[in-house]
């Protein structure tokens, strides 16, 4: 489970985030390219946009579900 106390600072404010356990395996980018992207040196992924609408919310949930590091979280804030 992702740790909200270890959120990456690039995440935009909102409930969805990636924490510092991310290894850039790319699987989440395939699920939610409209929400997630690499940092400049491609060492991790972060939420550059929070989900809007059911389709994007489902994409975020799918990305969370397939993350092998469990680095994606939703703290409801």
PDB file of N, CA and C in Angstrom:
ATOM      1  N   UNK A   1       0.839  -1.184   0.000  1.00  0.00           N
ATOM      2  CA  UNK A   1       0.000   0.000   0.000  1.00  0.00           C
ATOM      3  C   UNK A   1       0.885   1.248   0.000  1.00  0.00           C
ATOM      4  N   UNK A   2       0.525   2.212  -0.819  1.00  0.00           N
ATOM      5  CA  UNK A   2       1.264   3.468  -0.887  1.00  0.00           C
ATOM      6  C   UNK A   2       1.181   4.202   0.452  1.00  0.00           C
ATOM      7  N   UNK A   3       2.228   4.956   0.753  1.00  0.00           N
ATOM      8  CA  UNK A   3       2.324   5.674   2.025  1.00  0.00           C
ATOM      9  C   UNK A   3       2.166   7.166   1.777  1.00  0.00           C
ATOM     10  N   UNK A   4       1.066   7.739   2.264  1.00  0.00           N
ATOM     11  CA  UNK A   4       0.800   9.154   2.007  1.00  0.00           C
ATOM     12  C   UNK A   4       1.823  10.073   2.659  1.00  0.00           C
ATOM     13  N   UNK A   5       2.578   9.576   3.620  1.00  0.00           N
ATOM     14  CA  UNK A   5       3.627  10.412   4.218  1.00  0.00           C
ATOM     15  C   UNK A   5       4.877  10.453   3.345  1.00  0.00           C
ATOM     16  N   UNK A   6       4.884   9.659   2.282  1.00  0.00           N
ATOM     17  CA  UNK A   6       6.022   9.617   1.362  1.00  0.00           C
ATOM     18  C   UNK A   6       5.620  10.004  -0.068  1.00  0.00           C
ATOM     19  N   UNK A   7       4.600  10.850  -0.189  1.00  0.00           N
ATOM     20  CA  UNK A   7       4.159  11.311  -1.508  1.00  0.00           C
ATOM     21  C   UNK A   7       5.294  12.044  -2.218  1.00  0.00           C
ATOM     22  N   UNK A   8       5.403  11.825  -3.515  1.00  0.00           N
ATOM     23  CA  UNK A   8       6.355  12.590  -4.322  1.00  0.00           C
ATOM     24  C   UNK A   8       5.851  14.026  -4.458  1.00  0.00           C
ATOM     25  N   UNK A   9       6.761  14.981  -4.357  1.00  0.00           N
ATOM     26  CA  UNK A   9       6.347  16.395  -4.359  1.00  0.00           C
ATOM     27  C   UNK A   9       5.773  16.855  -5.693  1.00  0.00           C
ATOM     28  N   UNK A  10       6.024  16.139  -6.765  1.00  0.00           N
ATOM     29  CA  UNK A  10       5.485  16.531  -8.070  1.00  0.00           C
ATOM     30  C   UNK A  10       3.992  16.247  -8.233  1.00  0.00           C
ATOM     31  N   UNK A  11       3.449  15.354  -7.433  1.00  0.00           N
ATOM     32  CA  UNK A  11       2.017  15.057  -7.539  1.00  0.00           C
ATOM     33  C   UNK A  11       1.209  16.337  -7.386  1.00  0.00           C
ATOM     34  N   UNK A  12       0.223  16.515  -8.264  1.00  0.00           N
ATOM     35  CA  UNK A  12      -0.677  17.659  -8.097  1.00  0.00           C
ATOM     36  C   UNK A  12      -1.549  17.411  -6.867  1.00  0.00           C
ATOM     37  N   UNK A  13      -2.011  18.466  -6.219  1.00  0.00           N
ATOM     38  CA  UNK A  13      -2.860  18.282  -5.039  1.00  0.00           C
ATOM     39  C   UNK A  13      -4.124  17.493  -5.370  1.00  0.00           C
ATOM     40  N   UNK A  14      -4.518  16.665  -4.449  1.00  0.00           N
ATOM     41  CA  UNK A  14      -5.712  15.854  -4.614  1.00  0.00           C
ATOM     42  C   UNK A  14      -5.530  14.507  -3.972  1.00  0.00           C
ATOM     43  N   UNK A  15      -6.530  13.667  -4.086  1.00  0.00           N
ATOM     44  CA  UNK A  15      -6.491  12.380  -3.388  1.00  0.00           C
ATOM     45  C   UNK A  15      -5.509  11.366  -3.973  1.00  0.00           C
ATOM     46  N   UNK A  16      -5.284  11.400  -5.269  1.00  0.00           N
ATOM     47  CA  UNK A  16      -4.418  10.406  -5.911  1.00  0.00           C
ATOM     48  C   UNK A  16      -2.972  10.867  -5.869  1.00  0.00           C
ATOM     49  N   UNK A  17      -2.059   9.916  -5.629  1.00  0.00           N
ATOM     50  CA  UNK A  17      -0.631  10.236  -5.539  1.00  0.00           C
ATOM     51  C   UNK A  17       0.214   9.001  -5.834  1.00  0.00           C
ATOM     52  N   UNK A  18       1.493   9.245  -6.082  1.00  0.00           N
ATOM     53  CA  UNK A  18       2.503   8.196  -6.180  1.00  0.00           C
ATOM     54  C   UNK A  18       3.498   8.486  -5.065  1.00  0.00           C
ATOM     55  N   UNK A  19       3.949   7.426  -4.374  1.00  0.00           N
ATOM     56  CA  UNK A  19       4.920   7.643  -3.309  1.00  0.00           C
ATOM     57  C   UNK A  19       6.338   7.313  -3.790  1.00  0.00           C
ATOM     58  N   UNK A  20       7.298   7.440  -2.882  1.00  0.00           N
ATOM     59  CA  UNK A  20       8.702   7.312  -3.267  1.00  0.00           C
ATOM     60  C   UNK A  20       9.188   5.877  -3.456  1.00  0.00           C
ATOM     61  N   UNK A  21       8.275   4.910  -3.436  1.00  0.00           N
ATOM     62  CA  UNK A  21       8.672   3.531  -3.734  1.00  0.00           C
ATOM     63  C   UNK A  21       8.541   3.201  -5.216  1.00  0.00           C
ATOM     64  N   UNK A  22       8.112   4.166  -6.009  1.00  0.00           N
ATOM     65  CA  UNK A  22       7.924   3.949  -7.445  1.00  0.00           C
ATOM     66  C   UNK A  22       9.238   3.596  -8.132  1.00  0.00           C
ATOM     67  N   UNK A  23       9.174   2.555  -8.931  1.00  0.00           N
ATOM     68  CA  UNK A  23      10.250   2.241  -9.874  1.00  0.00           C
ATOM     69  C   UNK A  23       9.597   2.350 -11.247  1.00  0.00           C
ATOM     70  N   UNK A  24      10.204   3.036 -12.166  1.00  0.00           N
ATOM     71  CA  UNK A  24       9.519   3.338 -13.431  1.00  0.00           C
ATOM     72  C   UNK A  24       9.340   2.110 -14.331  1.00  0.00           C
ATOM     73  N   UNK A  25       8.409   1.257 -13.968  1.00  0.00           N
ATOM     74  CA  UNK A  25       8.175   0.033 -14.737  1.00  0.00           C
ATOM     75  C   UNK A  25       7.260   0.259 -15.934  1.00  0.00           C
ATOM     76  N   UNK A  26       6.567   1.366 -15.944  1.00  0.00           N
ATOM     77  CA  UNK A  26       5.724   1.824 -17.036  1.00  0.00           C
ATOM     78  C   UNK A  26       4.298   1.263 -17.052  1.00  0.00           C
ATOM     79  N   UNK A  27       3.986   0.245 -16.300  1.00  0.00           N
ATOM     80  CA  UNK A  27       2.653  -0.353 -16.414  1.00  0.00           C
ATOM     81  C   UNK A  27       1.539   0.646 -16.092  1.00  0.00           C
ATOM     82  N   UNK A  28       1.750   1.528 -15.134  1.00  0.00           N
ATOM     83  CA  UNK A  28       0.711   2.510 -14.803  1.00  0.00           C
ATOM     84  C   UNK A  28       0.527   3.525 -15.926  1.00  0.00           C
ATOM     85  N   UNK A  29       1.609   3.842 -16.628  1.00  0.00           N
ATOM     86  CA  UNK A  29       1.511   4.788 -17.740  1.00  0.00           C
ATOM     87  C   UNK A  29       0.649   4.231 -18.861  1.00  0.00           C
ATOM     88  N   UNK A  30       0.689   2.933 -19.039  1.00  0.00           N
ATOM     89  CA  UNK A  30      -0.160   2.307 -20.051  1.00  0.00           C
ATOM     90  C   UNK A  30      -1.632   2.371 -19.661  1.00  0.00           C
ATOM     91  N   UNK A  31      -1.913   2.350 -18.356  1.00  0.00           N
ATOM     92  CA  UNK A  31      -3.287   2.396 -17.859  1.00  0.00           C
ATOM     93  C   UNK A  31      -3.861   3.808 -17.791  1.00  0.00           C
ATOM     94  N   UNK A  32      -3.035   4.773 -17.434  1.00  0.00           N
ATOM     95  CA  UNK A  32      -3.543   6.134 -17.194  1.00  0.00           C
ATOM     96  C   UNK A  32      -2.591   7.211 -17.731  1.00  0.00           C
ATOM     97  N   UNK A  33      -2.335   7.211 -19.040  1.00  0.00           N
ATOM     98  CA  UNK A  33      -1.403   8.202 -19.595  1.00  0.00           C
ATOM     99  C   UNK A  33      -1.925   9.638 -19.519  1.00  0.00           C
ATOM    100  N   UNK A  34      -3.232   9.797 -19.326  1.00  0.00           N
ATOM    101  CA  UNK A  34      -3.810  11.132 -19.220  1.00  0.00           C
ATOM    102  C   UNK A  34      -3.670  11.700 -17.811  1.00  0.00           C
ATOM    103  N   UNK A  35      -3.159  10.887 -16.866  1.00  0.00           N
ATOM    104  CA  UNK A  35      -3.040  11.304 -15.466  1.00  0.00           C
ATOM    105  C   UNK A  35      -1.615  11.247 -14.927  1.00  0.00           C
ATOM    106  N   UNK A  36      -0.826  10.314 -15.448  1.00  0.00           N
ATOM    107  CA  UNK A  36       0.510  10.044 -14.928  1.00  0.00           C
ATOM    108  C   UNK A  36       1.577  10.334 -15.963  1.00  0.00           C
ATOM    109  N   UNK A  37       2.749  10.743 -15.493  1.00  0.00           N
ATOM    110  CA  UNK A  37       3.882  10.892 -16.405  1.00  0.00           C
ATOM    111  C   UNK A  37       5.183  10.744 -15.636  1.00  0.00           C
ATOM    112  N   UNK A  38       6.268  10.530 -16.394  1.00  0.00           N
ATOM    113  CA  UNK A  38       7.601  10.440 -15.818  1.00  0.00           C
ATOM    114  C   UNK A  38       8.079  11.799 -15.334  1.00  0.00           C
ATOM    115  N   UNK A  39       8.949  11.773 -14.314  1.00  0.00           N
ATOM    116  CA  UNK A  39       9.670  12.993 -13.960  1.00  0.00           C
ATOM    117  C   UNK A  39      10.737  13.232 -15.032  1.00  0.00           C
ATOM    118  N   UNK A  40      11.482  14.324 -14.927  1.00  0.00           N
ATOM    119  CA  UNK A  40      12.415  14.720 -15.990  1.00  0.00           C
ATOM    120  C   UNK A  40      13.476  13.668 -16.306  1.00  0.00           C
ATOM    121  N   UNK A  41      14.002  12.992 -15.306  1.00  0.00           N
ATOM    122  CA  UNK A  41      15.037  11.994 -15.592  1.00  0.00           C
ATOM    123  C   UNK A  41      14.493  10.554 -15.643  1.00  0.00           C
ATOM    124  N   UNK A  42      13.169  10.430 -15.680  1.00  0.00           N
ATOM    125  CA  UNK A  42      12.480   9.157 -15.843  1.00  0.00           C
ATOM    126  C   UNK A  42      12.841   8.126 -14.776  1.00  0.00           C
ATOM    127  N   UNK A  43      12.980   8.589 -13.533  1.00  0.00           N
ATOM    128  CA  UNK A  43      13.278   7.677 -12.433  1.00  0.00           C
ATOM    129  C   UNK A  43      12.032   7.316 -11.625  1.00  0.00           C
ATOM    130  N   UNK A  44      10.932   7.992 -11.860  1.00  0.00           N
ATOM    131  CA  UNK A  44       9.664   7.671 -11.226  1.00  0.00           C
ATOM    132  C   UNK A  44       8.530   8.355 -11.975  1.00  0.00           C
ATOM    133  N   UNK A  45       7.309   7.995 -11.597  1.00  0.00           N
ATOM    134  CA  UNK A  45       6.083   8.502 -12.210  1.00  0.00           C
ATOM    135  C   UNK A  45       5.307   9.263 -11.145  1.00  0.00           C
ATOM    136  N   UNK A  46       4.525  10.246 -11.563  1.00  0.00           N
ATOM    137  CA  UNK A  46       3.695  11.007 -10.631  1.00  0.00           C
ATOM    138  C   UNK A  46       2.404  11.448 -11.306  1.00  0.00           C
ATOM    139  N   UNK A  47       1.424  11.845 -10.490  1.00  0.00           N
ATOM    140  CA  UNK A  47       0.162  12.366 -11.013  1.00  0.00           C
ATOM    141  C   UNK A  47       0.343  13.831 -11.383  1.00  0.00           C
ATOM    142  N   UNK A  48       0.272  14.120 -12.677  1.00  0.00           N
ATOM    143  CA  UNK A  48       0.328  15.512 -13.128  1.00  0.00           C
ATOM    144  C   UNK A  48      -1.078  16.096 -13.240  1.00  0.00           C
ATOM    145  N   UNK A  49      -2.084  15.205 -13.112  1.00  0.00           N
ATOM    146  CA  UNK A  49      -3.486  15.614 -13.197  1.00  0.00           C
ATOM    147  C   UNK A  49      -4.302  14.649 -12.341  1.00  0.00           C
ATOM    148  N   UNK A  50      -5.250  15.183 -11.601  1.00  0.00           N
ATOM    149  CA  UNK A  50      -6.169  14.344 -10.843  1.00  0.00           C
ATOM    150  C   UNK A  50      -7.309  13.892 -11.763  1.00  0.00           C
ATOM    151  N   UNK A  51      -7.861  12.713 -11.514  1.00  0.00           N
ATOM    152  CA  UNK A  51      -8.946  12.216 -12.358  1.00  0.00           C
ATOM    153  C   UNK A  51     -10.172  13.126 -12.322  1.00  0.00           C
ATOM    154  N   UNK A  52     -10.771  13.263 -13.488  1.00  0.00           N
ATOM    155  CA  UNK A  52     -12.036  13.988 -13.638  1.00  0.00           C
ATOM    156  C   UNK A  52     -12.994  13.068 -14.379  1.00  0.00           C
ATOM    157  N   UNK A  53     -14.069  12.731 -13.747  1.00  0.00           N
ATOM    158  CA  UNK A  53     -15.060  11.872 -14.389  1.00  0.00           C
ATOM    159  C   UNK A  53     -14.794  10.400 -14.146  1.00  0.00           C
ATOM    160  N   UNK A  54     -15.793   9.613 -14.480  1.00  0.00           N
ATOM    161  CA  UNK A  54     -15.751   8.181 -14.209  1.00  0.00           C
ATOM    162  C   UNK A  54     -14.646   7.455 -14.968  1.00  0.00           C
ATOM    163  N   UNK A  55     -14.423   7.824 -16.211  1.00  0.00           N
ATOM    164  CA  UNK A  55     -13.422   7.128 -17.027  1.00  0.00           C
ATOM    165  C   UNK A  55     -12.008   7.331 -16.468  1.00  0.00           C
ATOM    166  N   UNK A  56     -11.679   8.566 -16.115  1.00  0.00           N
ATOM    167  CA  UNK A  56     -10.350   8.832 -15.556  1.00  0.00           C
ATOM    168  C   UNK A  56     -10.209   8.237 -14.154  1.00  0.00           C
ATOM    169  N   UNK A  57     -11.268   8.256 -13.381  1.00  0.00           N
ATOM    170  CA  UNK A  57     -11.232   7.628 -12.045  1.00  0.00           C
ATOM    171  C   UNK A  57     -10.968   6.129 -12.184  1.00  0.00           C
ATOM    172  N   UNK A  58     -11.619   5.495 -13.144  1.00  0.00           N
ATOM    173  CA  UNK A  58     -11.406   4.067 -13.388  1.00  0.00           C
ATOM    174  C   UNK A  58      -9.970   3.809 -13.833  1.00  0.00           C
ATOM    175  N   UNK A  59      -9.412   4.697 -14.658  1.00  0.00           N
ATOM    176  CA  UNK A  59      -8.027   4.540 -15.110  1.00  0.00           C
ATOM    177  C   UNK A  59      -7.069   4.631 -13.923  1.00  0.00           C
ATOM    178  N   UNK A  60      -7.304   5.570 -13.010  1.00  0.00           N
ATOM    179  CA  UNK A  60      -6.461   5.700 -11.817  1.00  0.00           C
ATOM    180  C   UNK A  60      -6.568   4.442 -10.952  1.00  0.00           C
ATOM    181  N   UNK A  61      -7.768   3.928 -10.785  1.00  0.00           N
ATOM    182  CA  UNK A  61      -7.963   2.713  -9.991  1.00  0.00           C
ATOM    183  C   UNK A  61      -7.263   1.524 -10.638  1.00  0.00           C
ATOM    184  N   UNK A  62      -7.338   1.429 -11.966  1.00  0.00           N
ATOM    185  CA  UNK A  62      -6.649   0.346 -12.673  1.00  0.00           C
ATOM    186  C   UNK A  62      -5.145   0.453 -12.496  1.00  0.00           C
ATOM    187  N   UNK A  63      -4.617   1.675 -12.605  1.00  0.00           N
ATOM    188  CA  UNK A  63      -3.174   1.887 -12.423  1.00  0.00           C
ATOM    189  C   UNK A  63      -2.759   1.484 -11.010  1.00  0.00           C
ATOM    190  N   UNK A  64      -3.567   1.861 -10.031  1.00  0.00           N
ATOM    191  CA  UNK A  64      -3.274   1.492  -8.645  1.00  0.00           C
ATOM    192  C   UNK A  64      -3.270  -0.035  -8.490  1.00  0.00           C
ATOM    193  N   UNK A  65      -4.219  -0.689  -9.105  1.00  0.00           N
ATOM    194  CA  UNK A  65      -4.354  -2.135  -8.971  1.00  0.00           C
ATOM    195  C   UNK A  65      -3.234  -2.936  -9.597  1.00  0.00           C
ATOM    196  N   UNK A  66      -2.605  -2.404 -10.637  1.00  0.00           N
ATOM    197  CA  UNK A  66      -1.554  -3.171 -11.308  1.00  0.00           C
ATOM    198  C   UNK A  66      -0.148  -2.748 -10.918  1.00  0.00           C
ATOM    199  N   UNK A  67      -0.005  -1.730 -10.105  1.00  0.00           N
ATOM    200  CA  UNK A  67       1.328  -1.251  -9.715  1.00  0.00           C
ATOM    201  C   UNK A  67       2.061  -2.330  -8.915  1.00  0.00           C
ATOM    202  N   UNK A  68       3.170  -2.856  -9.436  1.00  0.00           N
ATOM    203  CA  UNK A  68       3.869  -3.928  -8.727  1.00  0.00           C
ATOM    204  C   UNK A  68       4.536  -3.466  -7.429  1.00  0.00           C
ATOM    205  N   UNK A  69       4.782  -2.177  -7.288  1.00  0.00           N
ATOM    206  CA  UNK A  69       5.402  -1.640  -6.075  1.00  0.00           C
ATOM    207  C   UNK A  69       4.367  -1.141  -5.067  1.00  0.00           C
ATOM    208  N   UNK A  70       3.094  -1.147  -5.455  1.00  0.00           N
ATOM    209  CA  UNK A  70       2.038  -0.553  -4.613  1.00  0.00           C
ATOM    210  C   UNK A  70       2.365   0.892  -4.264  1.00  0.00           C
ATOM    211  N   UNK A  71       2.881   1.610  -5.238  1.00  0.00           N
ATOM    212  CA  UNK A  71       3.317   2.990  -5.029  1.00  0.00           C
ATOM    213  C   UNK A  71       2.227   4.013  -5.305  1.00  0.00           C
ATOM    214  N   UNK A  72       1.080   3.578  -5.818  1.00  0.00           N
ATOM    215  CA  UNK A  72      -0.019   4.491  -6.138  1.00  0.00           C
ATOM    216  C   UNK A  72      -1.058   4.406  -5.030  1.00  0.00           C
ATOM    217  N   UNK A  73      -1.497   5.568  -4.573  1.00  0.00           N
ATOM    218  CA  UNK A  73      -2.472   5.597  -3.511  1.00  0.00           C
ATOM    219  C   UNK A  73      -3.529   6.652  -3.704  1.00  0.00           C
ATOM    220  N   UNK A  74      -4.570   6.549  -2.904  1.00  0.00           N
ATOM    221  CA  UNK A  74      -5.664   7.493  -2.881  1.00  0.00           C
ATOM    222  C   UNK A  74      -6.009   7.708  -1.417  1.00  0.00           C
ATOM    223  N   UNK A  75      -5.688   8.884  -0.898  1.00  0.00           N
ATOM    224  CA  UNK A  75      -5.925   9.133   0.518  1.00  0.00           C
ATOM    225  C   UNK A  75      -7.238   9.842   0.778  1.00  0.00           C
ATOM    226  N   UNK A  76      -8.024  10.083  -0.277  1.00  0.00           N
ATOM    227  CA  UNK A  76      -9.330  10.698  -0.113  1.00  0.00           C
ATOM    228  C   UNK A  76      -9.314  12.171   0.242  1.00  0.00           C
ATOM    229  N   UNK A  77      -8.138  12.792   0.232  1.00  0.00           N
ATOM    230  CA  UNK A  77      -8.042  14.213   0.594  1.00  0.00           C
ATOM    231  C   UNK A  77      -8.027  15.091  -0.620  1.00  0.00           C
TER     232      UNK A  77
END
